[in-house]
Amino acid sequence: MTGEAGEKTLHAMNTKSTPAASSGIDDLFSLTLVDGLPVEAGGKTLRYRTVKLRETSVADERIAVRLSERVVMLSGVPKLLASDGDFRFAMTMRHCAAFECDGMSIPLDVLDLDVLGKLSPHDLQLIEERVVLITLAAQVRYGTLSQAEFDAFYMGRNPAPAASPQPVGQTANVGADAGHAESGPALLADFTGGAAQGTGGGARG
């Protein structure tokens, strides 16, 4: 893709208009799926193959956190934990303004994780890839990503820049430790104090 085409594509992303671009993306916020979202109606399966996308806000992130939370019993004590995978999935759902098919629409208000889970892996990947472009376009608009960096990523020369820290699952809001990888058992031990007690016991021994 030429630099001129890249600029046209970014213009479409920033203004939500739909000028033609050699990249093949006429409208960043409209995506045609391959398999579509299957919905049973009147004894038939309708496939909603057009998805309208949107930018998200802090409110969407808070909703995604709540959707990813689960109560689990640890040593007989209920603990509220969150799944990183469910959080990412919920954020993808919050980017979907509506699924459309033959004049009918399924708006975000009635979507849930189970409904979105009917997507094929290929279609989900298409949505996730488009969400990345929407996020990068917003960073260019806010000045945290340059036009050159965006063009380099879009033309496949560089990986996507690191996104701003997000509240992700069990390690959210824990400061410098948020980026540390931990296994599930170790992380649960941190929540119950088991790891700290074990370390302390070793020091005393």
C-alpha atoms as a PDB file:
ATOM      1  CA  MET A   1       0.000   0.000   0.000  1.00  0.00           C
ATOM      2  CA  THR A   2       1.433   3.421  -0.932  1.00  0.00           C
ATOM      3  CA  GLY A   3       1.850   6.287   1.519  1.00  0.00           C
ATOM      4  CA  GLU A   4      -0.979   8.128  -0.219  1.00  0.00           C
ATOM      5  CA  ALA A   5      -3.291   5.140   0.204  1.00  0.00           C
ATOM      6  CA  GLY A   6      -2.269   4.896   3.845  1.00  0.00           C
ATOM      7  CA  GLU A   7      -3.177   8.534   4.408  1.00  0.00           C
ATOM      8  CA  LYS A   8      -6.580   7.981   2.766  1.00  0.00           C
ATOM      9  CA  THR A   9      -7.164   4.947   4.971  1.00  0.00           C
ATOM     10  CA  LEU A  10      -6.222   6.866   8.120  1.00  0.00           C
ATOM     11  CA  HIS A  11      -8.507   9.721   7.058  1.00  0.00           C
ATOM     12  CA  ALA A  12     -11.342   7.210   6.890  1.00  0.00           C
ATOM     13  CA  MET A  13     -10.440   5.947  10.343  1.00  0.00           C
ATOM     14  CA  ASN A  14     -10.312   9.385  11.973  1.00  0.00           C
ATOM     15  CA  THR A  15     -13.428  10.875  10.415  1.00  0.00           C
ATOM     16  CA  LYS A  16     -15.508   7.695  10.177  1.00  0.00           C
ATOM     17  CA  SER A  17     -16.187   8.642   6.555  1.00  0.00           C
ATOM     18  CA  THR A  18     -15.884   6.128   3.744  1.00  0.00           C
ATOM     19  CA  PRO A  19     -13.546   7.399   0.999  1.00  0.00           C
ATOM     20  CA  ALA A  20     -12.185   4.726  -1.337  1.00  0.00           C
ATOM     21  CA  ALA A  21      -8.724   3.427  -0.431  1.00  0.00           C
ATOM     22  CA  SER A  22      -6.526   0.954  -2.243  1.00  0.00           C
ATOM     23  CA  SER A  23      -6.287  -1.034   0.997  1.00  0.00           C
ATOM     24  CA  GLY A  24      -9.818  -2.286   0.355  1.00  0.00           C
ATOM     25  CA  ILE A  25     -11.214  -0.776   3.581  1.00  0.00           C
ATOM     26  CA  ASP A  26     -13.949   1.651   2.621  1.00  0.00           C
ATOM     27  CA  ASP A  27     -15.228   2.110   6.175  1.00  0.00           C
ATOM     28  CA  LEU A  28     -13.148   1.174   9.197  1.00  0.00           C
ATOM     29  CA  PHE A  29     -16.275   0.867  11.341  1.00  0.00           C
ATOM     30  CA  SER A  30     -18.089  -1.575   9.068  1.00  0.00           C
ATOM     31  CA  LEU A  31     -16.865  -5.142   8.553  1.00  0.00           C
ATOM     32  CA  THR A  32     -18.245  -8.002   6.463  1.00  0.00           C
ATOM     33  CA  LEU A  33     -17.802 -11.418   8.074  1.00  0.00           C
ATOM     34  CA  VAL A  34     -17.339 -14.711   6.251  1.00  0.00           C
ATOM     35  CA  ASP A  35     -19.618 -17.021   8.241  1.00  0.00           C
ATOM     36  CA  GLY A  36     -21.626 -14.422  10.116  1.00  0.00           C
ATOM     37  CA  LEU A  37     -23.300 -14.523  13.506  1.00  0.00           C
ATOM     38  CA  PRO A  38     -25.871 -17.376  13.346  1.00  0.00           C
ATOM     39  CA  VAL A  39     -29.279 -16.687  14.875  1.00  0.00           C
ATOM     40  CA  GLU A  40     -32.237 -19.106  14.859  1.00  0.00           C
ATOM     41  CA  ALA A  41     -35.515 -17.465  13.847  1.00  0.00           C
ATOM     42  CA  GLY A  42     -38.717 -19.013  12.504  1.00  0.00           C
ATOM     43  CA  GLY A  43     -37.127 -22.400  12.070  1.00  0.00           C
ATOM     44  CA  LYS A  44     -34.337 -20.916   9.937  1.00  0.00           C
ATOM     45  CA  THR A  45     -30.763 -19.891  10.652  1.00  0.00           C
ATOM     46  CA  LEU A  46     -30.069 -16.272   9.800  1.00  0.00           C
ATOM     47  CA  ARG A  47     -26.451 -15.207   9.478  1.00  0.00           C
ATOM     48  CA  TYR A  48     -25.672 -11.633  10.404  1.00  0.00           C
ATOM     49  CA  ARG A  49     -22.615 -11.010   8.247  1.00  0.00           C
ATOM     50  CA  THR A  50     -22.245  -7.242   8.671  1.00  0.00           C
ATOM     51  CA  VAL A  51     -20.903  -5.917  11.951  1.00  0.00           C
ATOM     52  CA  LYS A  52     -20.833  -2.220  12.781  1.00  0.00           C
ATOM     53  CA  LEU A  53     -17.978  -1.326  15.104  1.00  0.00           C
ATOM     54  CA  ARG A  54     -17.351   1.505  17.545  1.00  0.00           C
ATOM     55  CA  GLU A  55     -14.677   3.000  19.749  1.00  0.00           C
ATOM     56  CA  THR A  56     -14.912   2.136  23.425  1.00  0.00           C
ATOM     57  CA  SER A  57     -14.674   4.174  26.610  1.00  0.00           C
ATOM     58  CA  VAL A  58     -13.691   3.694  30.236  1.00  0.00           C
ATOM     59  CA  ALA A  59     -17.298   2.679  30.913  1.00  0.00           C
ATOM     60  CA  ASP A  60     -16.926  -0.164  28.396  1.00  0.00           C
ATOM     61  CA  GLU A  61     -13.767  -1.354  30.150  1.00  0.00           C
ATOM     62  CA  ARG A  62     -15.579  -1.398  33.496  1.00  0.00           C
ATOM     63  CA  ILE A  63     -18.434  -3.398  31.976  1.00  0.00           C
ATOM     64  CA  ALA A  64     -15.923  -5.849  30.468  1.00  0.00           C
ATOM     65  CA  VAL A  65     -14.260  -6.333  33.864  1.00  0.00           C
ATOM     66  CA  ARG A  66     -17.618  -7.127  35.459  1.00  0.00           C
ATOM     67  CA  LEU A  67     -18.462  -9.585  32.682  1.00  0.00           C
ATOM     68  CA  SER A  68     -15.161 -11.400  33.230  1.00  0.00           C
ATOM     69  CA  GLU A  69     -15.512 -11.756  37.004  1.00  0.00           C
ATOM     70  CA  ARG A  70     -16.291 -15.117  38.602  1.00  0.00           C
ATOM     71  CA  VAL A  71     -16.795 -16.176  42.212  1.00  0.00           C
ATOM     72  CA  VAL A  72     -14.626 -19.169  43.123  1.00  0.00           C
ATOM     73  CA  MET A  73     -14.232 -20.973  46.430  1.00  0.00           C
ATOM     74  CA  LEU A  74     -10.711 -20.988  47.863  1.00  0.00           C
ATOM     75  CA  SER A  75     -10.275 -22.906  51.104  1.00  0.00           C
ATOM     76  CA  GLY A  76     -13.979 -22.529  51.722  1.00  0.00           C
ATOM     77  CA  VAL A  77     -13.868 -18.757  51.217  1.00  0.00           C
ATOM     78  CA  PRO A  78     -15.569 -17.144  48.180  1.00  0.00           C
ATOM     79  CA  LYS A  79     -13.203 -15.004  46.116  1.00  0.00           C
ATOM     80  CA  LEU A  80     -14.043 -12.738  43.190  1.00  0.00           C
ATOM     81  CA  LEU A  81     -11.535 -13.336  40.408  1.00  0.00           C
ATOM     82  CA  ALA A  82     -11.457 -12.274  36.767  1.00  0.00           C
ATOM     83  CA  SER A  83     -10.381 -14.089  33.628  1.00  0.00           C
ATOM     84  CA  ASP A  84      -7.986 -12.280  31.286  1.00  0.00           C
ATOM     85  CA  GLY A  85      -9.379 -14.210  28.314  1.00  0.00           C
ATOM     86  CA  ASP A  86     -12.978 -13.330  29.178  1.00  0.00           C
ATOM     87  CA  PHE A  87     -11.974  -9.680  29.634  1.00  0.00           C
ATOM     88  CA  ARG A  88     -10.454  -9.510  26.154  1.00  0.00           C
ATOM     89  CA  PHE A  89     -13.480 -11.282  24.697  1.00  0.00           C
ATOM     90  CA  ALA A  90     -15.845  -8.897  26.489  1.00  0.00           C
ATOM     91  CA  MET A  91     -13.898  -5.879  25.209  1.00  0.00           C
ATOM     92  CA  THR A  92     -14.189  -7.222  21.665  1.00  0.00           C
ATOM     93  CA  MET A  93     -17.947  -7.479  22.195  1.00  0.00           C
ATOM     94  CA  ARG A  94     -18.098  -3.883  23.484  1.00  0.00           C
ATOM     95  CA  HIS A  95     -16.525  -2.761  20.191  1.00  0.00           C
ATOM     96  CA  CYS A  96     -19.488  -4.254  18.278  1.00  0.00           C
ATOM     97  CA  ALA A  97     -22.207  -1.627  17.883  1.00  0.00           C
ATOM     98  CA  ALA A  98     -24.521  -4.007  16.006  1.00  0.00           C
ATOM     99  CA  PHE A  99     -24.719  -7.074  13.777  1.00  0.00           C
ATOM    100  CA  GLU A 100     -26.868  -6.593  10.674  1.00  0.00           C
ATOM    101  CA  CYS A 101     -28.646  -8.838   8.178  1.00  0.00           C
ATOM    102  CA  ASP A 102     -31.230  -7.887   5.505  1.00  0.00           C
ATOM    103  CA  GLY A 103     -32.385  -4.749   7.291  1.00  0.00           C
ATOM    104  CA  MET A 104     -32.483  -6.419  10.722  1.00  0.00           C
ATOM    105  CA  SER A 105     -30.097  -5.535  13.517  1.00  0.00           C
ATOM    106  CA  ILE A 106     -28.807  -7.040  16.762  1.00  0.00           C
ATOM    107  CA  PRO A 107     -27.606  -4.039  18.799  1.00  0.00           C
ATOM    108  CA  LEU A 108     -24.929  -4.082  21.464  1.00  0.00           C
ATOM    109  CA  ASP A 109     -27.568  -3.721  24.166  1.00  0.00           C
ATOM    110  CA  VAL A 110     -28.813  -7.264  23.584  1.00  0.00           C
ATOM    111  CA  LEU A 111     -25.444  -8.904  22.933  1.00  0.00           C
ATOM    112  CA  ASP A 112     -23.811 -11.099  25.534  1.00  0.00           C
ATOM    113  CA  LEU A 113     -20.756 -13.368  25.633  1.00  0.00           C
ATOM    114  CA  ASP A 114     -22.799 -16.466  24.790  1.00  0.00           C
ATOM    115  CA  VAL A 115     -24.260 -14.852  21.666  1.00  0.00           C
ATOM    116  CA  LEU A 116     -20.860 -13.601  20.514  1.00  0.00           C
ATOM    117  CA  GLY A 117     -19.457 -17.055  21.223  1.00  0.00           C
ATOM    118  CA  LYS A 118     -21.439 -18.369  18.240  1.00  0.00           C
ATOM    119  CA  LEU A 119     -18.996 -16.649  15.891  1.00  0.00           C
ATOM    120  CA  SER A 120     -16.534 -18.815  14.019  1.00  0.00           C
ATOM    121  CA  PRO A 121     -12.875 -18.439  15.081  1.00  0.00           C
ATOM    122  CA  HIS A 122     -12.135 -16.875  11.681  1.00  0.00           C
ATOM    123  CA  ASP A 123     -14.818 -14.203  12.034  1.00  0.00           C
ATOM    124  CA  LEU A 124     -13.747 -13.433  15.596  1.00  0.00           C
ATOM    125  CA  GLN A 125     -10.194 -12.932  14.369  1.00  0.00           C
ATOM    126  CA  LEU A 126     -11.432 -10.554  11.653  1.00  0.00           C
ATOM    127  CA  ILE A 127     -13.204  -8.455  14.286  1.00  0.00           C
ATOM    128  CA  GLU A 128     -10.179  -8.466  16.606  1.00  0.00           C
ATOM    129  CA  GLU A 129      -7.880  -7.352  13.777  1.00  0.00           C
ATOM    130  CA  ARG A 130     -10.219  -4.495  12.891  1.00  0.00           C
ATOM    131  CA  VAL A 131     -10.412  -3.471  16.560  1.00  0.00           C
ATOM    132  CA  VAL A 132      -6.609  -3.156  16.567  1.00  0.00           C
ATOM    133  CA  LEU A 133      -6.811  -0.712  13.645  1.00  0.00           C
ATOM    134  CA  ILE A 134      -9.540   1.283  15.374  1.00  0.00           C
ATOM    135  CA  THR A 135      -7.387   1.503  18.507  1.00  0.00           C
ATOM    136  CA  LEU A 136      -4.296   2.579  16.566  1.00  0.00           C
ATOM    137  CA  ALA A 137      -6.259   5.196  14.616  1.00  0.00           C
ATOM    138  CA  ALA A 138      -7.433   6.657  17.926  1.00  0.00           C
ATOM    139  CA  GLN A 139      -3.826   6.809  19.149  1.00  0.00           C
ATOM    140  CA  VAL A 140      -2.850   8.784  16.046  1.00  0.00           C
ATOM    141  CA  ARG A 141      -5.735  11.167  16.683  1.00  0.00           C
ATOM    142  CA  TYR A 142      -4.628  11.690  20.292  1.00  0.00           C
ATOM    143  CA  GLY A 143      -0.987  12.143  19.305  1.00  0.00           C
ATOM    144  CA  THR A 144       0.376   9.074  21.112  1.00  0.00           C
ATOM    145  CA  LEU A 145       1.216   7.368  17.803  1.00  0.00           C
ATOM    146  CA  SER A 146       2.718   9.079  14.776  1.00  0.00           C
ATOM    147  CA  GLN A 147       1.431   8.896  11.232  1.00  0.00           C
ATOM    148  CA  ALA A 148       4.697   7.192  10.208  1.00  0.00           C
ATOM    149  CA  GLU A 149       4.356   4.563  12.956  1.00  0.00           C
ATOM    150  CA  PHE A 150       0.794   3.859  11.936  1.00  0.00           C
ATOM    151  CA  ASP A 151       1.726   3.559   8.265  1.00  0.00           C
ATOM    152  CA  ALA A 152       4.623   1.222   9.110  1.00  0.00           C
ATOM    153  CA  PHE A 153       2.350  -1.037  11.143  1.00  0.00           C
ATOM    154  CA  TYR A 154      -0.473  -0.997   8.600  1.00  0.00           C
ATOM    155  CA  MET A 155       1.890  -1.923   5.778  1.00  0.00           C
ATOM    156  CA  GLY A 156       3.287  -4.766   7.865  1.00  0.00           C
ATOM    157  CA  ARG A 157       6.744  -3.399   8.583  1.00  0.00           C
ATOM    158  CA  ASN A 158       6.428  -3.153  12.356  1.00  0.00           C
ATOM    159  CA  PRO A 159       4.418  -4.945  15.072  1.00  0.00           C
ATOM    160  CA  ALA A 160       1.621  -3.055  16.773  1.00  0.00           C
ATOM    161  CA  PRO A 161       2.872  -0.602  19.429  1.00  0.00           C
ATOM    162  CA  ALA A 162       2.232  -1.595  23.014  1.00  0.00           C
ATOM    163  CA  ALA A 163      -1.243  -0.570  24.073  1.00  0.00           C
ATOM    164  CA  SER A 164      -1.897   1.505  27.157  1.00  0.00           C
ATOM    165  CA  PRO A 165      -2.213  -0.579  30.328  1.00  0.00           C
ATOM    166  CA  GLN A 166      -5.685  -2.021  30.717  1.00  0.00           C
ATOM    167  CA  PRO A 167      -7.393  -3.614  33.744  1.00  0.00           C
ATOM    168  CA  VAL A 168      -6.786  -7.244  32.901  1.00  0.00           C
ATOM    169  CA  GLY A 169      -8.229  -9.916  35.095  1.00  0.00           C
ATOM    170  CA  GLN A 170      -6.655 -11.079  38.298  1.00  0.00           C
ATOM    171  CA  THR A 171      -3.581  -8.855  38.038  1.00  0.00           C
ATOM    172  CA  ALA A 172      -5.489  -5.599  37.553  1.00  0.00           C
ATOM    173  CA  ASN A 173      -4.624  -2.639  39.795  1.00  0.00           C
ATOM    174  CA  VAL A 174      -1.561  -4.204  41.406  1.00  0.00           C
ATOM    175  CA  GLY A 175       0.954  -1.587  40.313  1.00  0.00           C
ATOM    176  CA  ALA A 176       4.324  -2.786  39.095  1.00  0.00           C
ATOM    177  CA  ASP A 177       3.323  -6.423  39.510  1.00  0.00           C
ATOM    178  CA  ALA A 178       0.591  -6.137  36.879  1.00  0.00           C
ATOM    179  CA  GLY A 179       2.871  -7.206  34.065  1.00  0.00           C
ATOM    180  CA  HIS A 180       4.447 -10.185  35.830  1.00  0.00           C
ATOM    181  CA  ALA A 181       3.469 -13.551  34.414  1.00  0.00           C
ATOM    182  CA  GLU A 182       2.243 -16.038  37.006  1.00  0.00           C
ATOM    183  CA  SER A 183       0.767 -19.475  36.748  1.00  0.00           C
ATOM    184  CA  GLY A 184      -2.817 -19.979  37.857  1.00  0.00           C
ATOM    185  CA  PRO A 185      -1.923 -21.842  41.085  1.00  0.00           C
ATOM    186  CA  ALA A 186       0.691 -19.258  42.021  1.00  0.00           C
ATOM    187  CA  LEU A 187      -1.731 -16.425  41.387  1.00  0.00           C
ATOM    188  CA  LEU A 188      -4.434 -18.053  43.479  1.00  0.00           C
ATOM    189  CA  ALA A 189      -1.879 -18.616  46.235  1.00  0.00           C
ATOM    190  CA  ASP A 190      -1.133 -14.879  46.198  1.00  0.00           C
ATOM    191  CA  PHE A 191      -4.828 -14.129  46.719  1.00  0.00           C
ATOM    192  CA  THR A 192      -5.101 -16.519  49.668  1.00  0.00           C
ATOM    193  CA  GLY A 193      -1.795 -15.522  51.232  1.00  0.00           C
ATOM    194  CA  GLY A 194      -0.347 -18.985  50.721  1.00  0.00           C
ATOM    195  CA  ALA A 195       2.675 -17.788  48.800  1.00  0.00           C
ATOM    196  CA  ALA A 196       3.575 -15.202  51.412  1.00  0.00           C
ATOM    197  CA  GLN A 197       3.205 -17.713  54.230  1.00  0.00           C
ATOM    198  CA  GLY A 198       5.317 -20.248  52.421  1.00  0.00           C
ATOM    199  CA  THR A 199       8.072 -17.729  51.796  1.00  0.00           C
ATOM    200  CA  GLY A 200       7.985 -16.595  55.363  1.00  0.00           C
ATOM    201  CA  GLY A 201       8.200 -20.151  56.635  1.00  0.00           C
ATOM    202  CA  GLY A 202      11.236 -20.794  54.473  1.00  0.00           C
ATOM    203  CA  ALA A 203      12.985 -17.718  55.870  1.00  0.00           C
ATOM    204  CA  ARG A 204      12.363 -18.798  59.443  1.00  0.00           C
ATOM    205  CA  GLY A 205      13.609 -22.308  58.747  1.00  0.00           C
END
